[in-house]
């Protein structure tokens, strides 16, 4: 497994955690991150920041991957 695959899977995992958390907030008004780590504690702020940065990074990498796929000759 290459370094970039590890980075992409890590980012994907963080984005998935964020999506699950937002789904819980929307459906049940239950914030899992705040429940586990405290309401806006230092650790929960780090987790929110990491999820946001990973979402941006994963979005950028997905465009790079789609450009590589579009140049492939079938």
PDB file of N, CA and C in Angstrom:
ATOM      1  N   UNK A   1       0.847  -1.172   0.000  1.00  0.00           N
ATOM      2  CA  UNK A   1       0.000   0.000   0.000  1.00  0.00           C
ATOM      3  C   UNK A   1       0.893   1.235   0.000  1.00  0.00           C
ATOM      4  N   UNK A   2       0.620   2.150  -0.920  1.00  0.00           N
ATOM      5  CA  UNK A   2       1.447   3.336  -1.024  1.00  0.00           C
ATOM      6  C   UNK A   2       1.068   4.352   0.048  1.00  0.00           C
ATOM      7  N   UNK A   3       1.957   5.315   0.216  1.00  0.00           N
ATOM      8  CA  UNK A   3       1.729   6.362   1.205  1.00  0.00           C
ATOM      9  C   UNK A   3       0.453   7.135   0.905  1.00  0.00           C
ATOM     10  N   UNK A   4       0.219   7.461  -0.378  1.00  0.00           N
ATOM     11  CA  UNK A   4      -0.974   8.223  -0.736  1.00  0.00           C
ATOM     12  C   UNK A   4      -2.251   7.422  -0.483  1.00  0.00           C
ATOM     13  N   UNK A   5      -2.209   6.115  -0.660  1.00  0.00           N
ATOM     14  CA  UNK A   5      -3.388   5.298  -0.340  1.00  0.00           C
ATOM     15  C   UNK A   5      -3.684   5.345   1.150  1.00  0.00           C
ATOM     16  N   UNK A   6      -2.647   5.317   1.976  1.00  0.00           N
ATOM     17  CA  UNK A   6      -2.836   5.402   3.424  1.00  0.00           C
ATOM     18  C   UNK A   6      -3.432   6.755   3.796  1.00  0.00           C
ATOM     19  N   UNK A   7      -2.915   7.814   3.183  1.00  0.00           N
ATOM     20  CA  UNK A   7      -3.427   9.161   3.458  1.00  0.00           C
ATOM     21  C   UNK A   7      -4.891   9.262   3.038  1.00  0.00           C
ATOM     22  N   UNK A   8      -5.216   8.752   1.849  1.00  0.00           N
ATOM     23  CA  UNK A   8      -6.596   8.822   1.364  1.00  0.00           C
ATOM     24  C   UNK A   8      -7.544   8.020   2.245  1.00  0.00           C
ATOM     25  N   UNK A   9      -7.138   6.844   2.679  1.00  0.00           N
ATOM     26  CA  UNK A   9      -7.999   6.035   3.547  1.00  0.00           C
ATOM     27  C   UNK A   9      -8.172   6.679   4.910  1.00  0.00           C
ATOM     28  N   UNK A  10      -7.125   7.327   5.411  1.00  0.00           N
ATOM     29  CA  UNK A  10      -7.234   8.038   6.681  1.00  0.00           C
ATOM     30  C   UNK A  10      -8.207   9.199   6.554  1.00  0.00           C
ATOM     31  N   UNK A  11      -8.075   9.963   5.468  1.00  0.00           N
ATOM     32  CA  UNK A  11      -8.998  11.077   5.240  1.00  0.00           C
ATOM     33  C   UNK A  11     -10.424  10.574   5.071  1.00  0.00           C
ATOM     34  N   UNK A  12     -10.595   9.503   4.316  1.00  0.00           N
ATOM     35  CA  UNK A  12     -11.925   8.934   4.113  1.00  0.00           C
ATOM     36  C   UNK A  12     -12.543   8.518   5.449  1.00  0.00           C
ATOM     37  N   UNK A  13     -11.745   7.928   6.330  1.00  0.00           N
ATOM     38  CA  UNK A  13     -12.241   7.497   7.637  1.00  0.00           C
ATOM     39  C   UNK A  13     -12.712   8.694   8.457  1.00  0.00           C
ATOM     40  N   UNK A  14     -11.925   9.780   8.455  1.00  0.00           N
ATOM     41  CA  UNK A  14     -12.324  10.974   9.188  1.00  0.00           C
ATOM     42  C   UNK A  14     -13.596  11.589   8.605  1.00  0.00           C
ATOM     43  N   UNK A  15     -13.704  11.618   7.286  1.00  0.00           N
ATOM     44  CA  UNK A  15     -14.908  12.156   6.644  1.00  0.00           C
ATOM     45  C   UNK A  15     -16.117  11.287   6.994  1.00  0.00           C
ATOM     46  N   UNK A  16     -15.936   9.993   7.017  1.00  0.00           N
ATOM     47  CA  UNK A  16     -17.019   9.085   7.388  1.00  0.00           C
ATOM     48  C   UNK A  16     -17.453   9.314   8.839  1.00  0.00           C
ATOM     49  N   UNK A  17     -16.499   9.506   9.737  1.00  0.00           N
ATOM     50  CA  UNK A  17     -16.824   9.800  11.142  1.00  0.00           C
ATOM     51  C   UNK A  17     -17.638  11.090  11.226  1.00  0.00           C
ATOM     52  N   UNK A  18     -17.212  12.106  10.477  1.00  0.00           N
ATOM     53  CA  UNK A  18     -17.953  13.361  10.468  1.00  0.00           C
ATOM     54  C   UNK A  18     -19.358  13.201   9.919  1.00  0.00           C
ATOM     55  N   UNK A  19     -19.497  12.401   8.869  1.00  0.00           N
ATOM     56  CA  UNK A  19     -20.817  12.178   8.279  1.00  0.00           C
ATOM     57  C   UNK A  19     -21.739  11.440   9.247  1.00  0.00           C
ATOM     58  N   UNK A  20     -21.207  10.460   9.925  1.00  0.00           N
ATOM     59  CA  UNK A  20     -22.014   9.727  10.914  1.00  0.00           C
ATOM     60  C   UNK A  20     -22.438  10.664  12.034  1.00  0.00           C
ATOM     61  N   UNK A  21     -21.514  11.506  12.497  1.00  0.00           N
ATOM     62  CA  UNK A  21     -21.840  12.440  13.568  1.00  0.00           C
ATOM     63  C   UNK A  21     -22.940  13.406  13.129  1.00  0.00           C
ATOM     64  N   UNK A  22     -22.824  13.970  11.903  1.00  0.00           N
ATOM     65  CA  UNK A  22     -23.857  14.891  11.416  1.00  0.00           C
ATOM     66  C   UNK A  22     -25.187  14.171  11.210  1.00  0.00           C
ATOM     67  N   UNK A  23     -25.138  12.922  10.784  1.00  0.00           N
ATOM     68  CA  UNK A  23     -26.372  12.156  10.655  1.00  0.00           C
ATOM     69  C   UNK A  23     -27.065  11.962  11.993  1.00  0.00           C
ATOM     70  N   UNK A  24     -26.265  11.681  13.026  1.00  0.00           N
ATOM     71  CA  UNK A  24     -26.835  11.537  14.371  1.00  0.00           C
ATOM     72  C   UNK A  24     -27.407  12.856  14.878  1.00  0.00           C
ATOM     73  N   UNK A  25     -26.724  13.959  14.588  1.00  0.00           N
ATOM     74  CA  UNK A  25     -27.226  15.267  15.009  1.00  0.00           C
ATOM     75  C   UNK A  25     -28.541  15.572  14.306  1.00  0.00           C
ATOM     76  N   UNK A  26     -28.594  15.322  13.006  1.00  0.00           N
ATOM     77  CA  UNK A  26     -29.806  15.618  12.253  1.00  0.00           C
ATOM     78  C   UNK A  26     -30.984  14.730  12.610  1.00  0.00           C
ATOM     79  N   UNK A  27     -30.721  13.452  12.819  1.00  0.00           N
ATOM     80  CA  UNK A  27     -31.808  12.505  13.048  1.00  0.00           C
ATOM     81  C   UNK A  27     -32.261  12.471  14.508  1.00  0.00           C
ATOM     82  N   UNK A  28     -31.307  12.551  15.434  1.00  0.00           N
ATOM     83  CA  UNK A  28     -31.641  12.338  16.840  1.00  0.00           C
ATOM     84  C   UNK A  28     -31.225  13.477  17.762  1.00  0.00           C
ATOM     85  N   UNK A  29     -30.672  14.564  17.194  1.00  0.00           N
ATOM     86  CA  UNK A  29     -30.156  15.673  17.990  1.00  0.00           C
ATOM     87  C   UNK A  29     -29.144  15.168  19.028  1.00  0.00           C
ATOM     88  N   UNK A  30     -28.276  14.257  18.591  1.00  0.00           N
ATOM     89  CA  UNK A  30     -27.267  13.655  19.467  1.00  0.00           C
ATOM     90  C   UNK A  30     -25.901  13.839  18.827  1.00  0.00           C
ATOM     91  N   UNK A  31     -25.017  14.600  19.489  1.00  0.00           N
ATOM     92  CA  UNK A  31     -23.679  14.853  18.992  1.00  0.00           C
ATOM     93  C   UNK A  31     -22.722  13.863  19.657  1.00  0.00           C
ATOM     94  N   UNK A  32     -22.272  12.881  18.887  1.00  0.00           N
ATOM     95  CA  UNK A  32     -21.423  11.821  19.422  1.00  0.00           C
ATOM     96  C   UNK A  32     -20.070  12.343  19.885  1.00  0.00           C
ATOM     97  N   UNK A  33     -19.490  13.278  19.141  1.00  0.00           N
ATOM     98  CA  UNK A  33     -18.173  13.827  19.517  1.00  0.00           C
ATOM     99  C   UNK A  33     -18.282  14.569  20.843  1.00  0.00           C
ATOM    100  N   UNK A  34     -19.295  15.390  20.994  1.00  0.00           N
ATOM    101  CA  UNK A  34     -19.483  16.108  22.262  1.00  0.00           C
ATOM    102  C   UNK A  34     -19.777  15.143  23.408  1.00  0.00           C
ATOM    103  N   UNK A  35     -20.513  14.105  23.124  1.00  0.00           N
ATOM    104  CA  UNK A  35     -20.825  13.108  24.145  1.00  0.00           C
ATOM    105  C   UNK A  35     -19.561  12.401  24.632  1.00  0.00           C
ATOM    106  N   UNK A  36     -18.682  12.030  23.692  1.00  0.00           N
ATOM    107  CA  UNK A  36     -17.487  11.276  24.057  1.00  0.00           C
ATOM    108  C   UNK A  36     -16.376  12.150  24.641  1.00  0.00           C
ATOM    109  N   UNK A  37     -16.211  13.365  24.111  1.00  0.00           N
ATOM    110  CA  UNK A  37     -15.036  14.160  24.471  1.00  0.00           C
ATOM    111  C   UNK A  37     -15.359  15.485  25.143  1.00  0.00           C
ATOM    112  N   UNK A  38     -16.613  15.775  25.378  1.00  0.00           N
ATOM    113  CA  UNK A  38     -16.994  17.017  26.041  1.00  0.00           C
ATOM    114  C   UNK A  38     -17.422  18.069  25.036  1.00  0.00           C
ATOM    115  N   UNK A  39     -18.312  18.945  25.502  1.00  0.00           N
ATOM    116  CA  UNK A  39     -18.855  19.981  24.628  1.00  0.00           C
ATOM    117  C   UNK A  39     -17.800  21.050  24.385  1.00  0.00           C
ATOM    118  N   UNK A  40     -17.274  21.080  23.166  1.00  0.00           N
ATOM    119  CA  UNK A  40     -16.257  22.022  22.713  1.00  0.00           C
ATOM    120  C   UNK A  40     -15.003  22.027  23.603  1.00  0.00           C
ATOM    121  N   UNK A  41     -14.619  20.846  24.059  1.00  0.00           N
ATOM    122  CA  UNK A  41     -13.353  20.711  24.768  1.00  0.00           C
ATOM    123  C   UNK A  41     -12.218  20.809  23.744  1.00  0.00           C
ATOM    124  N   UNK A  42     -11.001  20.853  24.226  1.00  0.00           N
ATOM    125  CA  UNK A  42      -9.851  20.957  23.315  1.00  0.00           C
ATOM    126  C   UNK A  42      -9.794  19.750  22.380  1.00  0.00           C
ATOM    127  N   UNK A  43     -10.065  18.563  22.908  1.00  0.00           N
ATOM    128  CA  UNK A  43     -10.009  17.350  22.085  1.00  0.00           C
ATOM    129  C   UNK A  43     -11.132  17.332  21.041  1.00  0.00           C
ATOM    130  N   UNK A  44     -12.319  17.749  21.420  1.00  0.00           N
ATOM    131  CA  UNK A  44     -13.408  17.768  20.433  1.00  0.00           C
ATOM    132  C   UNK A  44     -13.138  18.810  19.352  1.00  0.00           C
ATOM    133  N   UNK A  45     -12.528  19.941  19.697  1.00  0.00           N
ATOM    134  CA  UNK A  45     -12.167  20.942  18.697  1.00  0.00           C
ATOM    135  C   UNK A  45     -11.116  20.390  17.738  1.00  0.00           C
ATOM    136  N   UNK A  46     -10.172  19.620  18.245  1.00  0.00           N
ATOM    137  CA  UNK A  46      -9.158  18.985  17.392  1.00  0.00           C
ATOM    138  C   UNK A  46      -9.820  18.009  16.434  1.00  0.00           C
ATOM    139  N   UNK A  47     -10.775  17.236  16.929  1.00  0.00           N
ATOM    140  CA  UNK A  47     -11.469  16.269  16.084  1.00  0.00           C
ATOM    141  C   UNK A  47     -12.276  16.984  15.003  1.00  0.00           C
ATOM    142  N   UNK A  48     -13.007  18.031  15.376  1.00  0.00           N
ATOM    143  CA  UNK A  48     -13.765  18.787  14.376  1.00  0.00           C
ATOM    144  C   UNK A  48     -12.847  19.392  13.320  1.00  0.00           C
ATOM    145  N   UNK A  49     -11.711  19.930  13.747  1.00  0.00           N
ATOM    146  CA  UNK A  49     -10.752  20.517  12.808  1.00  0.00           C
ATOM    147  C   UNK A  49     -10.175  19.449  11.889  1.00  0.00           C
ATOM    148  N   UNK A  50      -9.818  18.297  12.447  1.00  0.00           N
ATOM    149  CA  UNK A  50      -9.256  17.210  11.634  1.00  0.00           C
ATOM    150  C   UNK A  50     -10.271  16.710  10.611  1.00  0.00           C
ATOM    151  N   UNK A  51     -11.521  16.590  11.012  1.00  0.00           N
ATOM    152  CA  UNK A  51     -12.560  16.146  10.078  1.00  0.00           C
ATOM    153  C   UNK A  51     -12.723  17.155   8.953  1.00  0.00           C
ATOM    154  N   UNK A  52     -12.731  18.430   9.278  1.00  0.00           N
ATOM    155  CA  UNK A  52     -12.868  19.461   8.261  1.00  0.00           C
ATOM    156  C   UNK A  52     -11.696  19.490   7.297  1.00  0.00           C
ATOM    157  N   UNK A  53     -10.482  19.415   7.820  1.00  0.00           N
ATOM    158  CA  UNK A  53      -9.291  19.411   6.966  1.00  0.00           C
ATOM    159  C   UNK A  53      -9.242  18.164   6.084  1.00  0.00           C
ATOM    160  N   UNK A  54      -9.627  17.022   6.650  1.00  0.00           N
ATOM    161  CA  UNK A  54      -9.645  15.787   5.860  1.00  0.00           C
ATOM    162  C   UNK A  54     -10.694  15.848   4.763  1.00  0.00           C
ATOM    163  N   UNK A  55     -11.826  16.474   5.033  1.00  0.00           N
ATOM    164  CA  UNK A  55     -12.859  16.609   4.006  1.00  0.00           C
ATOM    165  C   UNK A  55     -12.349  17.461   2.848  1.00  0.00           C
ATOM    166  N   UNK A  56     -11.670  18.564   3.164  1.00  0.00           N
ATOM    167  CA  UNK A  56     -11.110  19.420   2.112  1.00  0.00           C
ATOM    168  C   UNK A  56     -10.043  18.666   1.330  1.00  0.00           C
ATOM    169  N   UNK A  57      -9.154  17.983   2.043  1.00  0.00           N
ATOM    170  CA  UNK A  57      -8.091  17.223   1.384  1.00  0.00           C
ATOM    171  C   UNK A  57      -8.625  16.102   0.519  1.00  0.00           C
ATOM    172  N   UNK A  58      -9.625  15.394   1.012  1.00  0.00           N
ATOM    173  CA  UNK A  58     -10.201  14.298   0.241  1.00  0.00           C
ATOM    174  C   UNK A  58     -10.900  14.821  -1.004  1.00  0.00           C
ATOM    175  N   UNK A  59     -11.555  15.972  -0.885  1.00  0.00           N
ATOM    176  CA  UNK A  59     -12.210  16.618  -2.025  1.00  0.00           C
ATOM    177  C   UNK A  59     -11.179  16.976  -3.094  1.00  0.00           C
ATOM    178  N   UNK A  60     -10.065  17.556  -2.686  1.00  0.00           N
ATOM    179  CA  UNK A  60      -9.008  17.938  -3.633  1.00  0.00           C
ATOM    180  C   UNK A  60      -8.406  16.706  -4.288  1.00  0.00           C
ATOM    181  N   UNK A  61      -8.108  15.679  -3.504  1.00  0.00           N
ATOM    182  CA  UNK A  61      -7.518  14.463  -4.062  1.00  0.00           C
ATOM    183  C   UNK A  61      -8.483  13.743  -5.001  1.00  0.00           C
ATOM    184  N   UNK A  62      -9.773  13.846  -4.747  1.00  0.00           N
ATOM    185  CA  UNK A  62     -10.722  13.179  -5.639  1.00  0.00           C
ATOM    186  C   UNK A  62     -10.711  13.824  -7.020  1.00  0.00           C
ATOM    187  N   UNK A  63     -10.514  15.151  -7.100  1.00  0.00           N
ATOM    188  CA  UNK A  63     -10.394  15.806  -8.396  1.00  0.00           C
ATOM    189  C   UNK A  63      -9.112  15.393  -9.100  1.00  0.00           C
ATOM    190  N   UNK A  64      -8.031  15.264  -8.355  1.00  0.00           N
ATOM    191  CA  UNK A  64      -6.769  14.844  -8.955  1.00  0.00           C
ATOM    192  C   UNK A  64      -6.891  13.436  -9.514  1.00  0.00           C
ATOM    193  N   UNK A  65      -7.547  12.560  -8.779  1.00  0.00           N
ATOM    194  CA  UNK A  65      -7.736  11.189  -9.243  1.00  0.00           C
ATOM    195  C   UNK A  65      -8.645  11.130 -10.465  1.00  0.00           C
ATOM    196  N   UNK A  66      -9.672  11.973 -10.510  1.00  0.00           N
ATOM    197  CA  UNK A  66     -10.572  11.946 -11.657  1.00  0.00           C
ATOM    198  C   UNK A  66      -9.866  12.463 -12.909  1.00  0.00           C
ATOM    199  N   UNK A  67      -8.937  13.414 -12.759  1.00  0.00           N
ATOM    200  CA  UNK A  67      -8.171  13.887 -13.909  1.00  0.00           C
ATOM    201  C   UNK A  67      -7.242  12.789 -14.422  1.00  0.00           C
ATOM    202  N   UNK A  68      -6.650  12.011 -13.521  1.00  0.00           N
ATOM    203  CA  UNK A  68      -5.796  10.905 -13.938  1.00  0.00           C
ATOM    204  C   UNK A  68      -6.610   9.853 -14.680  1.00  0.00           C
ATOM    205  N   UNK A  69      -7.824   9.602 -14.219  1.00  0.00           N
ATOM    206  CA  UNK A  69      -8.668   8.604 -14.873  1.00  0.00           C
ATOM    207  C   UNK A  69      -9.148   9.083 -16.233  1.00  0.00           C
ATOM    208  N   UNK A  70      -9.372  10.395 -16.384  1.00  0.00           N
ATOM    209  CA  UNK A  70      -9.886  10.898 -17.655  1.00  0.00           C
ATOM    210  C   UNK A  70      -8.827  10.878 -18.741  1.00  0.00           C
ATOM    211  N   UNK A  71      -7.543  10.828 -18.377  1.00  0.00           N
ATOM    212  CA  UNK A  71      -6.485  10.775 -19.380  1.00  0.00           C
ATOM    213  C   UNK A  71      -6.133   9.356 -19.755  1.00  0.00           C
ATOM    214  N   UNK A  72      -6.755   8.388 -19.122  1.00  0.00           N
ATOM    215  CA  UNK A  72      -6.467   6.980 -19.411  1.00  0.00           C
ATOM    216  C   UNK A  72      -7.147   6.585 -20.712  1.00  0.00           C
ATOM    217  N   UNK A  73      -6.432   5.930 -21.587  1.00  0.00           N
ATOM    218  CA  UNK A  73      -6.995   5.454 -22.856  1.00  0.00           C
ATOM    219  C   UNK A  73      -7.552   4.054 -22.690  1.00  0.00           C
ATOM    220  N   UNK A  74      -8.824   3.911 -22.956  1.00  0.00           N
ATOM    221  CA  UNK A  74      -9.464   2.608 -22.786  1.00  0.00           C
ATOM    222  C   UNK A  74      -9.233   1.745 -23.980  1.00  0.00           C
TER     223      UNK A  74
END
